Amino acid sequence: MIAVSRLYLFVHWPTDVLAGVFIGVCGGIGSYFLIDYLYKRFGNNMKKNLK
């Protein structure tokens, strides 16, 4: 809804909004894989250290 409102109010160009969506999606996917890797690499050791 925020992206649509920015376009409606002529605050941003459509390419700005699409670039923001693209960067956001890529950042989310990258973060998912990074956290997944870190959990697989250090997850078991972290559980042992908490006990």
PDB file of N, CA and C in Angstrom:
ATOM      1  N   MET A   1       0.815  -1.187   0.000  1.00  0.00           N
ATOM      2  CA  MET A   1       0.000   0.000   0.000  1.00  0.00           C
ATOM      3  C   MET A   1       0.865   1.261   0.000  1.00  0.00           C
ATOM      4  N   ILE A   2       2.008   1.206   0.677  1.00  0.00           N
ATOM      5  CA  ILE A   2       2.874   2.382   0.712  1.00  0.00           C
ATOM      6  C   ILE A   2       3.420   2.672  -0.679  1.00  0.00           C
ATOM      7  N   ALA A   3       3.799   1.622  -1.406  1.00  0.00           N
ATOM      8  CA  ALA A   3       4.327   1.817  -2.758  1.00  0.00           C
ATOM      9  C   ALA A   3       3.276   2.444  -3.661  1.00  0.00           C
ATOM     10  N   VAL A   4       2.042   1.999  -3.544  1.00  0.00           N
ATOM     11  CA  VAL A   4       0.960   2.547  -4.365  1.00  0.00           C
ATOM     12  C   VAL A   4       0.706   3.996  -3.993  1.00  0.00           C
ATOM     13  N   SER A   5       0.735   4.315  -2.703  1.00  0.00           N
ATOM     14  CA  SER A   5       0.485   5.692  -2.291  1.00  0.00           C
ATOM     15  C   SER A   5       1.592   6.617  -2.776  1.00  0.00           C
ATOM     16  N   ARG A   6       2.827   6.139  -2.793  1.00  0.00           N
ATOM     17  CA  ARG A   6       3.940   6.956  -3.298  1.00  0.00           C
ATOM     18  C   ARG A   6       3.765   7.260  -4.787  1.00  0.00           C
ATOM     19  N   LEU A   7       3.282   6.274  -5.528  1.00  0.00           N
ATOM     20  CA  LEU A   7       3.035   6.505  -6.957  1.00  0.00           C
ATOM     21  C   LEU A   7       1.858   7.442  -7.154  1.00  0.00           C
ATOM     22  N   TYR A   8       0.812   7.264  -6.361  1.00  0.00           N
ATOM     23  CA  TYR A   8      -0.406   8.077  -6.491  1.00  0.00           C
ATOM     24  C   TYR A   8      -0.120   9.541  -6.179  1.00  0.00           C
ATOM     25  N   LEU A   9       0.717   9.799  -5.191  1.00  0.00           N
ATOM     26  CA  LEU A   9       1.036  11.171  -4.791  1.00  0.00           C
ATOM     27  C   LEU A   9       2.189  11.775  -5.593  1.00  0.00           C
ATOM     28  N   PHE A  10       2.687  11.045  -6.558  1.00  0.00           N
ATOM     29  CA  PHE A  10       3.801  11.483  -7.421  1.00  0.00           C
ATOM     30  C   PHE A  10       5.044  11.848  -6.611  1.00  0.00           C
ATOM     31  N   VAL A  11       5.299  11.084  -5.546  1.00  0.00           N
ATOM     32  CA  VAL A  11       6.490  11.301  -4.739  1.00  0.00           C
ATOM     33  C   VAL A  11       7.674  10.558  -5.346  1.00  0.00           C
ATOM     34  N   HIS A  12       7.420   9.402  -5.934  1.00  0.00           N
ATOM     35  CA  HIS A  12       8.472   8.600  -6.549  1.00  0.00           C
ATOM     36  C   HIS A  12       8.052   8.190  -7.956  1.00  0.00           C
ATOM     37  N   TRP A  13       9.061   7.909  -8.775  1.00  0.00           N
ATOM     38  CA  TRP A  13       8.824   7.351 -10.090  1.00  0.00           C
ATOM     39  C   TRP A  13       8.573   5.855  -9.950  1.00  0.00           C
ATOM     40  N   PRO A  14       7.871   5.254 -10.908  1.00  0.00           N
ATOM     41  CA  PRO A  14       7.633   3.801 -10.833  1.00  0.00           C
ATOM     42  C   PRO A  14       8.920   2.980 -10.769  1.00  0.00           C
ATOM     43  N   THR A  15       9.965   3.435 -11.442  1.00  0.00           N
ATOM     44  CA  THR A  15      11.224   2.685 -11.393  1.00  0.00           C
ATOM     45  C   THR A  15      11.832   2.724  -9.994  1.00  0.00           C
ATOM     46  N   ASP A  16      11.646   3.818  -9.255  1.00  0.00           N
ATOM     47  CA  ASP A  16      12.129   3.877  -7.871  1.00  0.00           C
ATOM     48  C   ASP A  16      11.435   2.830  -7.017  1.00  0.00           C
ATOM     49  N   VAL A  17      10.133   2.713  -7.182  1.00  0.00           N
ATOM     50  CA  VAL A  17       9.365   1.754  -6.387  1.00  0.00           C
ATOM     51  C   VAL A  17       9.749   0.324  -6.769  1.00  0.00           C
ATOM     52  N   LEU A  18       9.886   0.051  -8.048  1.00  0.00           N
ATOM     53  CA  LEU A  18      10.284  -1.298  -8.478  1.00  0.00           C
ATOM     54  C   LEU A  18      11.687  -1.650  -7.997  1.00  0.00           C
ATOM     55  N   ALA A  19      12.594  -0.689  -8.028  1.00  0.00           N
ATOM     56  CA  ALA A  19      13.949  -0.941  -7.531  1.00  0.00           C
ATOM     57  C   ALA A  19      13.915  -1.230  -6.031  1.00  0.00           C
ATOM     58  N   GLY A  20      13.101  -0.509  -5.282  1.00  0.00           N
ATOM     59  CA  GLY A  20      12.972  -0.758  -3.853  1.00  0.00           C
ATOM     60  C   GLY A  20      12.406  -2.133  -3.557  1.00  0.00           C
ATOM     61  N   VAL A  21      11.416  -2.542  -4.337  1.00  0.00           N
ATOM     62  CA  VAL A  21      10.842  -3.877  -4.165  1.00  0.00           C
ATOM     63  C   VAL A  21      11.887  -4.936  -4.472  1.00  0.00           C
ATOM     64  N   PHE A  22      12.622  -4.756  -5.546  1.00  0.00           N
ATOM     65  CA  PHE A  22      13.659  -5.712  -5.939  1.00  0.00           C
ATOM     66  C   PHE A  22      14.745  -5.827  -4.871  1.00  0.00           C
ATOM     67  N   ILE A  23      15.204  -4.694  -4.366  1.00  0.00           N
ATOM     68  CA  ILE A  23      16.237  -4.701  -3.324  1.00  0.00           C
ATOM     69  C   ILE A  23      15.713  -5.358  -2.053  1.00  0.00           C
ATOM     70  N   GLY A  24      14.473  -5.072  -1.699  1.00  0.00           N
ATOM     71  CA  GLY A  24      13.882  -5.671  -0.510  1.00  0.00           C
ATOM     72  C   GLY A  24      13.739  -7.175  -0.612  1.00  0.00           C
ATOM     73  N   VAL A  25      13.283  -7.649  -1.753  1.00  0.00           N
ATOM     74  CA  VAL A  25      13.129  -9.096  -1.956  1.00  0.00           C
ATOM     75  C   VAL A  25      14.496  -9.788  -1.954  1.00  0.00           C
ATOM     76  N   CYS A  26      15.466  -9.212  -2.629  1.00  0.00           N
ATOM     77  CA  CYS A  26      16.811  -9.804  -2.648  1.00  0.00           C
ATOM     78  C   CYS A  26      17.423  -9.809  -1.250  1.00  0.00           C
ATOM     79  N   GLY A  27      17.220  -8.739  -0.493  1.00  0.00           N
ATOM     80  CA  GLY A  27      17.732  -8.697   0.878  1.00  0.00           C
ATOM     81  C   GLY A  27      17.076  -9.739   1.759  1.00  0.00           C
ATOM     82  N   GLY A  28      15.780  -9.939   1.599  1.00  0.00           N
ATOM     83  CA  GLY A  28      15.078 -10.960   2.377  1.00  0.00           C
ATOM     84  C   GLY A  28      15.541 -12.360   2.054  1.00  0.00           C
ATOM     85  N   ILE A  29      15.708 -12.645   0.783  1.00  0.00           N
ATOM     86  CA  ILE A  29      16.179 -13.974   0.365  1.00  0.00           C
ATOM     87  C   ILE A  29      17.615 -14.197   0.839  1.00  0.00           C
ATOM     88  N   GLY A  30      18.458 -13.194   0.679  1.00  0.00           N
ATOM     89  CA  GLY A  30      19.841 -13.307   1.136  1.00  0.00           C
ATOM     90  C   GLY A  30      19.937 -13.518   2.637  1.00  0.00           C
ATOM     91  N   SER A  31      19.122 -12.807   3.394  1.00  0.00           N
ATOM     92  CA  SER A  31      19.107 -12.959   4.850  1.00  0.00           C
ATOM     93  C   SER A  31      18.650 -14.350   5.251  1.00  0.00           C
ATOM     94  N   TYR A  32      17.656 -14.862   4.561  1.00  0.00           N
ATOM     95  CA  TYR A  32      17.169 -16.218   4.857  1.00  0.00           C
ATOM     96  C   TYR A  32      18.288 -17.236   4.709  1.00  0.00           C
ATOM     97  N   PHE A  33      19.007 -17.179   3.587  1.00  0.00           N
ATOM     98  CA  PHE A  33      20.066 -18.143   3.348  1.00  0.00           C
ATOM     99  C   PHE A  33      21.244 -17.936   4.306  1.00  0.00           C
ATOM    100  N   LEU A  34      21.546 -16.704   4.660  1.00  0.00           N
ATOM    101  CA  LEU A  34      22.623 -16.440   5.603  1.00  0.00           C
ATOM    102  C   LEU A  34      22.288 -16.999   6.984  1.00  0.00           C
ATOM    103  N   ILE A  35      21.098 -16.750   7.476  1.00  0.00           N
ATOM    104  CA  ILE A  35      20.695 -17.262   8.783  1.00  0.00           C
ATOM    105  C   ILE A  35      20.617 -18.787   8.761  1.00  0.00           C
ATOM    106  N   ASP A  36      20.123 -19.351   7.676  1.00  0.00           N
ATOM    107  CA  ASP A  36      20.058 -20.802   7.551  1.00  0.00           C
ATOM    108  C   ASP A  36      21.459 -21.415   7.609  1.00  0.00           C
ATOM    109  N   TYR A  37      22.392 -20.816   6.903  1.00  0.00           N
ATOM    110  CA  TYR A  37      23.779 -21.302   6.910  1.00  0.00           C
ATOM    111  C   TYR A  37      24.380 -21.185   8.308  1.00  0.00           C
ATOM    112  N   LEU A  38      24.205 -20.035   8.954  1.00  0.00           N
ATOM    113  CA  LEU A  38      24.771 -19.843  10.284  1.00  0.00           C
ATOM    114  C   LEU A  38      24.161 -20.805  11.294  1.00  0.00           C
ATOM    115  N   TYR A  39      22.873 -21.053  11.180  1.00  0.00           N
ATOM    116  CA  TYR A  39      22.238 -21.983  12.107  1.00  0.00           C
ATOM    117  C   TYR A  39      22.760 -23.402  11.900  1.00  0.00           C
ATOM    118  N   LYS A  40      22.928 -23.805  10.650  1.00  0.00           N
ATOM    119  CA  LYS A  40      23.450 -25.151  10.378  1.00  0.00           C
ATOM    120  C   LYS A  40      24.901 -25.277  10.826  1.00  0.00           C
ATOM    121  N   ARG A  41      25.656 -24.208  10.691  1.00  0.00           N
ATOM    122  CA  ARG A  41      27.082 -24.255  11.044  1.00  0.00           C
ATOM    123  C   ARG A  41      27.303 -24.176  12.551  1.00  0.00           C
ATOM    124  N   PHE A  42      26.581 -23.287  13.236  1.00  0.00           N
ATOM    125  CA  PHE A  42      26.833 -23.037  14.651  1.00  0.00           C
ATOM    126  C   PHE A  42      25.653 -23.379  15.557  1.00  0.00           C
ATOM    127  N   GLY A  43      24.556 -23.836  15.005  1.00  0.00           N
ATOM    128  CA  GLY A  43      23.350 -24.056  15.786  1.00  0.00           C
ATOM    129  C   GLY A  43      23.502 -25.070  16.892  1.00  0.00           C
ATOM    130  N   ASN A  44      24.092 -26.205  16.604  1.00  0.00           N
ATOM    131  CA  ASN A  44      24.251 -27.249  17.611  1.00  0.00           C
ATOM    132  C   ASN A  44      25.209 -26.815  18.712  1.00  0.00           C
ATOM    133  N   ASN A  45      26.275 -26.118  18.370  1.00  0.00           N
ATOM    134  CA  ASN A  45      27.222 -25.647  19.374  1.00  0.00           C
ATOM    135  C   ASN A  45      26.592 -24.607  20.282  1.00  0.00           C
ATOM    136  N   MET A  46      25.728 -23.789  19.750  1.00  0.00           N
ATOM    137  CA  MET A  46      25.079 -22.766  20.568  1.00  0.00           C
ATOM    138  C   MET A  46      24.146 -23.419  21.580  1.00  0.00           C
ATOM    139  N   LYS A  47      23.474 -24.472  21.189  1.00  0.00           N
ATOM    140  CA  LYS A  47      22.573 -25.165  22.121  1.00  0.00           C
ATOM    141  C   LYS A  47      23.372 -25.795  23.258  1.00  0.00           C
ATOM    142  N   LYS A  48      24.547 -26.363  22.961  1.00  0.00           N
ATOM    143  CA  LYS A  48      25.390 -26.990  23.986  1.00  0.00           C
ATOM    144  C   LYS A  48      25.928 -25.943  24.963  1.00  0.00           C
ATOM    145  N   ASN A  49      26.273 -24.761  24.463  1.00  0.00           N
ATOM    146  CA  ASN A  49      26.827 -23.718  25.313  1.00  0.00           C
ATOM    147  C   ASN A  49      25.795 -23.120  26.244  1.00  0.00           C
ATOM    148  N   LEU A  50      24.523 -23.192  25.887  1.00  0.00           N
ATOM    149  CA  LEU A  50      23.476 -22.627  26.728  1.00  0.00           C
ATOM    150  C   LEU A  50      23.176 -23.502  27.950  1.00  0.00           C
ATOM    151  N   LYS A  51      23.509 -24.787  27.876  1.00  0.00           N
ATOM    152  CA  LYS A  51      23.210 -25.708  28.988  1.00  0.00           C
ATOM    153  C   LYS A  51      24.196 -25.569  30.109  1.00  0.00           C
TER     154      LYS A  51
END
